[in-house]
Amino acid sequence: MRELVVVRNPDQQSRLPYLIRLPLGEGLFLRAGGTWPREKAIYCYPVGPEEWPDEPEVVERVPVRSCVRRGAAIDLVLDRARENRSQIVFTKARGRDAIFWQTARVRRQARPNVTTPTARASGVAALPIVVDSGERYAYKFPRQQVELVRRRMPCGDYGVEIAGTLHAAVERKSLADLVGSLLNSRLKYQLTELAALPHAAVVVEDRYSQVFKLEYVRPAVVADGMAELQVAFPSVPIVFCESRQLAEEWTYRFLAAAYAAADHPAEAAPAVPATDEPVTMPEPSTAEVRAWARDHGLDVPAKGRLRPEVWQAYRRAHS
């Protein structure tokens, strides 16, 4: 029978009081901190089977229904009615392999009781969103009006393109991924690439307050590191959105706003054969109409769509 076994660490000098054995492959052994049973995310790191005591003091032994490794995470389902789901996320902290373990109860506590709207963002129908092909468990935007395309992106996890060029992008991170990428400097390189775009952001699926509840990583180091990156890259905000649902909604609204604010070049008109009929000129671009309107004293915004009366005035002048 596959079991999750938690025992007390026989090393009295260790600040991590538990040893955990997971039924993954030949067995995955972890040294864990915090309290048991777990009431919040706890810090672990992998150890060898030689650390397992010969006569362990068992704290908990539970049959396991499912224990599956999926990329940088392990989804664990215990064979009991309550408190049976948890996720173990692998990352690096200060150059060492680190693991953060959180239960479904922890995620529920951070999940706000809200219903996100279904109205289209910025008036854009069927927003074309590019999803990076390397993104695992990507957002599906089930309540939003989008058209999804999966392909490799130069930076970010989700984006919108203008004239075939990436115009805006959002990098998605869990709190564990944010901390790990901050400590190993990967986040700095990601922000460097994102800052080259007209619009970009990093969205975190957690609360900012959880930064100050991290164990075995000094919260001040993480908070200072993020603040320094925000000063260095002011055009790429790091936004905390409490939950995956709200992070997905914020990503959709951000990309829609960036898409609506861009100047969209008109599609090329199809070639027509020479006839005696008058030839209809191709539709001008938004930028051309904007420049014409300013030259003729019309009040138009610096970015975004133009009012219908501006287009009507342009067409009347060029008819």
Protein backbone atom coordinates (compact mmCIF):
# COMPACT_ATOMS: atom_id res chain seq x y z
CA MET A 1 0.00 0.00 0.00
CA ARG A 2 1.28 3.43 -0.91
CA GLU A 3 1.44 5.72 2.11
CA LEU A 4 2.44 9.20 3.19
CA VAL A 5 4.47 8.81 6.36
CA VAL A 6 5.42 11.70 8.65
CA VAL A 7 7.85 11.07 11.52
CA ARG A 8 9.72 13.24 13.99
CA ASN A 9 13.24 14.20 13.02
CA PRO A 10 15.61 12.42 15.45
CA ASP A 11 18.10 15.28 15.03
CA GLN A 12 17.19 17.46 18.01
CA GLN A 13 19.41 20.31 16.78
CA SER A 14 17.57 20.70 13.48
CA ARG A 15 15.09 23.53 13.02
CA LEU A 16 13.06 21.25 10.75
CA PRO A 17 11.24 18.89 13.14
CA TYR A 18 9.74 16.41 10.65
CA LEU A 19 10.78 13.88 8.05
CA ILE A 20 8.33 12.94 5.31
CA ARG A 21 8.32 9.99 2.92
CA LEU A 22 6.26 10.18 -0.26
CA PRO A 23 5.48 7.16 -2.48
CA LEU A 24 7.04 8.62 -5.61
CA GLY A 25 9.32 6.29 -7.57
CA GLU A 26 11.66 4.62 -5.08
CA GLY A 27 10.47 7.09 -2.47
CA LEU A 28 10.91 10.84 -2.00
CA PHE A 29 12.26 11.92 1.39
CA LEU A 30 11.80 15.46 2.70
CA ARG A 31 12.82 17.33 5.82
CA ALA A 32 10.03 19.74 6.76
CA GLY A 33 9.50 22.67 9.09
CA GLY A 34 6.37 24.34 10.42
CA THR A 35 3.72 22.61 12.51
CA TRP A 36 1.75 19.45 11.91
CA PRO A 37 -0.99 19.14 10.83
CA ARG A 38 -0.19 21.87 8.30
CA GLU A 39 -2.19 25.09 8.61
CA LYS A 40 -0.11 27.06 6.13
CA ALA A 41 2.48 26.55 3.44
CA ILE A 42 5.64 25.00 4.86
CA TYR A 43 9.23 24.86 3.71
CA CYS A 44 10.92 21.54 2.91
CA TYR A 45 14.08 20.32 1.24
CA PRO A 46 14.95 16.89 -0.12
CA VAL A 47 17.16 14.47 1.82
CA GLY A 48 18.48 10.99 1.19
CA PRO A 49 16.88 7.79 2.50
CA GLU A 50 19.79 7.37 4.91
CA GLU A 51 18.27 10.10 7.12
CA TRP A 52 15.17 7.99 7.74
CA PRO A 53 15.43 6.65 11.33
CA ASP A 54 15.53 2.92 12.01
CA GLU A 55 12.83 3.25 14.69
CA PRO A 56 10.80 6.27 13.64
CA GLU A 57 8.36 8.10 15.89
CA VAL A 58 5.36 8.22 13.56
CA VAL A 59 3.29 11.41 13.62
CA GLU A 60 0.96 10.53 10.75
CA ARG A 61 0.53 7.65 8.32
CA VAL A 62 -2.07 8.03 5.57
CA PRO A 63 -2.81 5.89 2.48
CA VAL A 64 -2.20 7.73 -0.79
CA ARG A 65 -4.71 7.71 -3.62
CA SER A 66 -2.54 9.61 -6.11
CA CYS A 67 0.98 11.03 -6.12
CA VAL A 68 1.95 12.42 -9.54
CA ARG A 69 4.86 14.62 -10.59
CA ARG A 70 3.84 17.31 -13.09
CA GLY A 71 6.76 19.48 -14.10
CA ALA A 72 7.94 21.51 -11.11
CA ALA A 73 5.11 20.30 -8.86
CA ILE A 74 3.73 17.14 -7.27
CA ASP A 75 -0.05 16.74 -6.90
CA LEU A 76 -0.83 14.63 -3.85
CA VAL A 77 -4.25 13.14 -3.04
CA LEU A 78 -4.61 11.23 0.24
CA ASP A 79 -7.12 8.44 0.78
CA ARG A 80 -9.33 10.20 3.32
CA ALA A 81 -12.48 12.30 3.25
CA ARG A 82 -11.11 15.67 4.43
CA GLU A 83 -7.89 17.65 4.00
CA ASN A 84 -6.84 15.18 1.33
CA ARG A 85 -5.36 17.42 -1.40
CA SER A 86 -2.06 19.26 -1.43
CA GLN A 87 0.60 20.42 -3.86
CA ILE A 88 4.39 20.34 -3.52
CA VAL A 89 6.27 22.91 -5.63
CA PHE A 90 9.99 22.57 -6.41
CA THR A 91 12.17 25.68 -6.76
CA LYS A 92 15.55 27.04 -5.63
CA ALA A 93 16.37 29.29 -2.66
CA ARG A 94 19.86 30.72 -2.19
CA GLY A 95 21.21 28.29 -4.74
CA ARG A 96 19.79 25.21 -2.97
CA ASP A 97 16.90 22.98 -3.97
CA ALA A 98 13.83 23.99 -1.99
CA ILE A 99 10.25 22.79 -1.78
CA PHE A 100 7.10 24.59 -0.66
CA TRP A 101 4.19 22.43 0.43
CA GLN A 102 0.68 23.81 0.74
CA THR A 103 -2.68 22.19 1.25
CA ALA A 104 -5.94 22.94 -0.49
CA ARG A 105 -7.13 24.63 2.72
CA VAL A 106 -4.32 27.16 2.43
CA ARG A 107 -5.39 28.00 -1.12
CA ARG A 108 -9.04 28.28 -0.10
CA GLN A 109 -8.17 30.74 2.66
CA ALA A 110 -6.52 32.98 0.07
CA ARG A 111 -9.42 32.66 -2.38
CA PRO A 112 -11.72 35.71 -2.26
CA ASN A 113 -15.45 35.13 -2.46
CA VAL A 114 -16.08 37.11 -5.65
CA THR A 115 -17.60 36.51 -9.04
CA THR A 116 -15.68 37.99 -11.94
CA PRO A 117 -17.66 39.84 -14.65
CA THR A 118 -18.34 38.44 -18.09
CA ALA A 119 -18.51 41.79 -19.91
CA ARG A 120 -15.95 42.21 -22.68
CA ALA A 121 -12.85 44.17 -21.65
CA SER A 122 -12.24 47.59 -23.27
CA GLY A 123 -15.00 46.82 -25.74
CA VAL A 124 -12.88 44.25 -27.58
CA ALA A 125 -14.82 41.28 -28.94
CA ALA A 126 -12.90 38.01 -29.29
CA LEU A 127 -9.59 39.31 -27.95
CA PRO A 128 -6.77 37.36 -29.73
CA ILE A 129 -4.48 36.15 -26.92
CA VAL A 130 -1.24 34.29 -27.60
CA VAL A 131 -0.40 31.64 -24.98
CA ASP A 132 3.20 30.49 -24.68
CA SER A 133 3.47 26.85 -25.76
CA GLY A 134 5.73 26.12 -22.78
CA GLU A 135 3.09 27.27 -20.27
CA ARG A 136 1.84 24.38 -18.11
CA TYR A 137 -1.79 24.45 -16.92
CA ALA A 138 -2.37 27.65 -18.86
CA TYR A 139 -5.27 30.01 -18.35
CA LYS A 140 -8.26 29.06 -20.51
CA PHE A 141 -10.25 32.29 -19.96
CA PRO A 142 -13.54 30.34 -19.91
CA ARG A 143 -15.68 33.35 -18.92
CA GLN A 144 -14.02 35.87 -21.22
CA GLN A 145 -14.47 36.58 -24.91
CA VAL A 146 -11.12 35.50 -26.33
CA GLU A 147 -9.49 33.61 -29.19
CA LEU A 148 -6.49 31.60 -27.95
CA VAL A 149 -3.46 30.70 -30.03
CA ARG A 150 -0.61 28.61 -28.59
CA ARG A 151 2.92 29.18 -29.82
CA ARG A 152 6.35 29.99 -28.47
CA MET A 153 6.63 33.55 -27.16
CA PRO A 154 9.92 35.47 -26.86
CA CYS A 155 8.96 36.53 -23.33
CA GLY A 156 5.97 36.28 -21.00
CA ASP A 157 3.26 33.63 -20.79
CA TYR A 158 0.33 35.51 -22.34
CA GLY A 159 0.33 38.31 -24.88
CA VAL A 160 -1.35 40.21 -27.70
CA GLU A 161 0.18 41.05 -31.05
CA ILE A 162 -0.18 44.04 -33.33
CA ALA A 163 0.75 43.53 -37.00
CA GLY A 164 2.46 40.24 -36.14
CA THR A 165 4.66 41.78 -33.41
CA LEU A 166 4.29 41.12 -29.67
CA HIS A 167 2.79 44.30 -28.24
CA ALA A 168 1.97 43.38 -24.62
CA ALA A 169 2.76 40.41 -22.40
CA VAL A 170 2.03 39.09 -18.91
CA GLU A 171 4.33 36.74 -16.99
CA ARG A 172 2.37 34.52 -14.58
CA LYS A 173 3.90 33.31 -11.30
CA SER A 174 2.92 31.50 -8.16
CA LEU A 175 4.43 32.85 -4.95
CA ALA A 176 6.92 29.97 -4.77
CA ASP A 177 7.99 30.57 -8.37
CA LEU A 178 8.31 34.31 -7.72
CA VAL A 179 10.57 33.76 -4.71
CA GLY A 180 12.68 31.14 -6.46
CA SER A 181 13.18 33.20 -9.60
CA LEU A 182 13.98 36.28 -7.51
CA LEU A 183 16.68 34.50 -5.52
CA ASN A 184 18.37 32.90 -8.53
CA SER A 185 18.17 36.17 -10.57
CA ARG A 186 15.99 34.62 -13.29
CA LEU A 187 13.26 37.19 -12.57
CA LYS A 188 15.65 40.05 -13.36
CA TYR A 189 16.36 38.65 -16.81
CA GLN A 190 12.65 38.11 -17.43
CA LEU A 191 11.90 41.73 -16.51
CA THR A 192 14.69 42.90 -18.82
CA GLU A 193 12.97 41.18 -21.75
CA LEU A 194 9.49 42.35 -20.74
CA ALA A 195 10.63 45.96 -20.37
CA ALA A 196 11.46 46.05 -24.08
CA LEU A 197 7.75 45.73 -24.93
CA PRO A 198 5.32 48.67 -25.05
CA HIS A 199 3.26 47.08 -22.24
CA ALA A 200 4.15 44.25 -19.83
CA ALA A 201 3.49 43.05 -16.29
CA VAL A 202 4.08 40.19 -13.86
CA VAL A 203 0.98 38.79 -12.14
CA VAL A 204 1.31 36.76 -8.92
CA GLU A 205 -1.38 34.29 -7.85
CA ASP A 206 -1.21 35.19 -4.17
CA ARG A 207 -1.41 38.01 -1.64
CA TYR A 208 1.50 40.32 -0.96
CA SER A 209 1.04 39.60 2.76
CA GLN A 210 2.13 36.00 2.16
CA VAL A 211 5.64 37.25 1.40
CA PHE A 212 6.03 38.04 5.10
CA LYS A 213 4.90 34.56 6.16
CA LEU A 214 7.66 32.73 4.28
CA GLU A 215 9.76 30.35 6.35
CA TYR A 216 13.50 29.78 5.95
CA VAL A 217 13.68 32.59 3.41
CA ARG A 218 13.97 35.99 5.03
CA PRO A 219 10.84 37.97 4.07
CA ALA A 220 12.86 41.21 4.06
CA VAL A 221 15.18 39.79 1.40
CA VAL A 222 12.23 38.97 -0.86
CA ALA A 223 10.46 42.31 -0.23
CA ASP A 224 13.65 44.32 -0.82
CA GLY A 225 14.48 42.33 -3.95
CA MET A 226 11.06 43.01 -5.48
CA ALA A 227 11.24 46.70 -4.56
CA GLU A 228 14.67 47.03 -6.19
CA LEU A 229 13.41 45.37 -9.37
CA GLN A 230 10.39 47.69 -9.49
CA VAL A 231 12.69 50.71 -9.26
CA ALA A 232 14.95 49.26 -11.97
CA PHE A 233 12.01 48.31 -14.24
CA PRO A 234 9.19 50.79 -13.49
CA SER A 235 7.37 49.96 -16.74
CA VAL A 236 6.79 46.32 -15.66
CA PRO A 237 4.60 46.23 -12.53
CA ILE A 238 4.48 43.18 -10.26
CA VAL A 239 0.79 42.75 -9.40
CA PHE A 240 -0.50 40.50 -6.59
CA CYS A 241 -3.97 39.14 -7.40
CA GLU A 242 -4.76 36.83 -4.45
CA SER A 243 -5.91 33.82 -6.48
CA ARG A 244 -5.59 32.13 -9.86
CA GLN A 245 -9.11 33.25 -10.83
CA LEU A 246 -8.38 36.93 -10.16
CA ALA A 247 -4.94 36.71 -11.79
CA GLU A 248 -6.59 35.27 -14.91
CA GLU A 249 -9.18 38.07 -14.92
CA TRP A 250 -6.51 40.77 -14.42
CA THR A 251 -4.43 39.32 -17.27
CA TYR A 252 -7.42 39.43 -19.61
CA ARG A 253 -8.28 43.04 -18.72
CA PHE A 254 -4.66 44.21 -18.98
CA LEU A 255 -4.11 42.64 -22.40
CA ALA A 256 -7.45 43.95 -23.69
CA ALA A 257 -6.59 47.50 -22.59
CA ALA A 258 -3.18 47.30 -24.29
CA TYR A 259 -4.77 45.90 -27.45
CA ALA A 260 -7.47 48.58 -27.58
CA ALA A 261 -4.97 51.39 -27.01
CA ALA A 262 -2.77 50.32 -29.93
CA ASP A 263 -2.98 51.70 -33.45
CA HIS A 264 -4.25 48.79 -35.55
CA PRO A 265 -3.13 49.00 -39.18
CA ALA A 266 -5.88 48.35 -41.65
CA GLU A 267 -5.90 45.06 -43.50
CA ALA A 268 -4.60 45.22 -47.04
CA ALA A 269 -7.36 45.60 -49.61
CA PRO A 270 -7.63 42.78 -52.16
CA ALA A 271 -6.45 43.51 -55.67
CA VAL A 272 -9.24 44.32 -58.12
CA PRO A 273 -9.14 44.11 -61.91
CA ALA A 274 -9.06 47.30 -63.97
CA THR A 275 -12.59 48.28 -64.94
CA ASP A 276 -14.51 51.36 -65.89
CA GLU A 277 -16.08 51.35 -62.45
CA PRO A 278 -14.70 53.79 -59.87
CA VAL A 279 -12.04 52.26 -57.65
CA THR A 280 -12.63 52.31 -53.89
CA MET A 281 -9.53 53.41 -52.02
CA PRO A 282 -8.33 51.20 -49.14
CA GLU A 283 -9.35 52.21 -45.64
CA PRO A 284 -6.75 54.46 -43.97
CA SER A 285 -5.04 53.46 -40.75
CA THR A 286 -6.06 54.89 -37.40
CA ALA A 287 -2.77 56.78 -37.21
CA GLU A 288 -3.41 58.47 -40.58
CA VAL A 289 -6.90 59.57 -39.57
CA ARG A 290 -5.61 60.77 -36.20
CA ALA A 291 -2.95 62.93 -37.88
CA TRP A 292 -5.50 64.35 -40.36
CA ALA A 293 -7.93 65.18 -37.52
CA ARG A 294 -5.27 67.05 -35.56
CA ASP A 295 -4.27 69.05 -38.64
CA HIS A 296 -7.90 70.13 -39.05
CA GLY A 297 -8.42 71.08 -35.41
CA LEU A 298 -10.45 68.07 -34.29
CA ASP A 299 -10.07 66.86 -30.71
CA VAL A 300 -8.79 63.26 -30.76
CA PRO A 301 -7.10 61.11 -28.06
CA ALA A 302 -3.37 60.38 -28.27
CA LYS A 303 -4.04 56.62 -28.28
CA GLY A 304 -6.90 54.20 -28.73
CA ARG A 305 -9.90 54.15 -31.01
CA LEU A 306 -11.34 57.23 -32.70
CA ARG A 307 -14.93 58.39 -32.38
CA PRO A 308 -17.29 57.52 -35.28
CA GLU A 309 -17.82 61.20 -36.11
CA VAL A 310 -14.05 61.62 -36.70
CA TRP A 311 -14.08 58.80 -39.25
CA GLN A 312 -17.19 60.27 -40.88
CA ALA A 313 -15.52 63.68 -41.19
CA TYR A 314 -12.44 62.07 -42.78
CA ARG A 315 -14.52 60.12 -45.31
CA ARG A 316 -16.57 63.19 -46.24
CA ALA A 317 -13.37 65.18 -46.81
CA HIS A 318 -11.90 62.45 -49.03
CA SER A 319 -15.01 61.34 -50.90
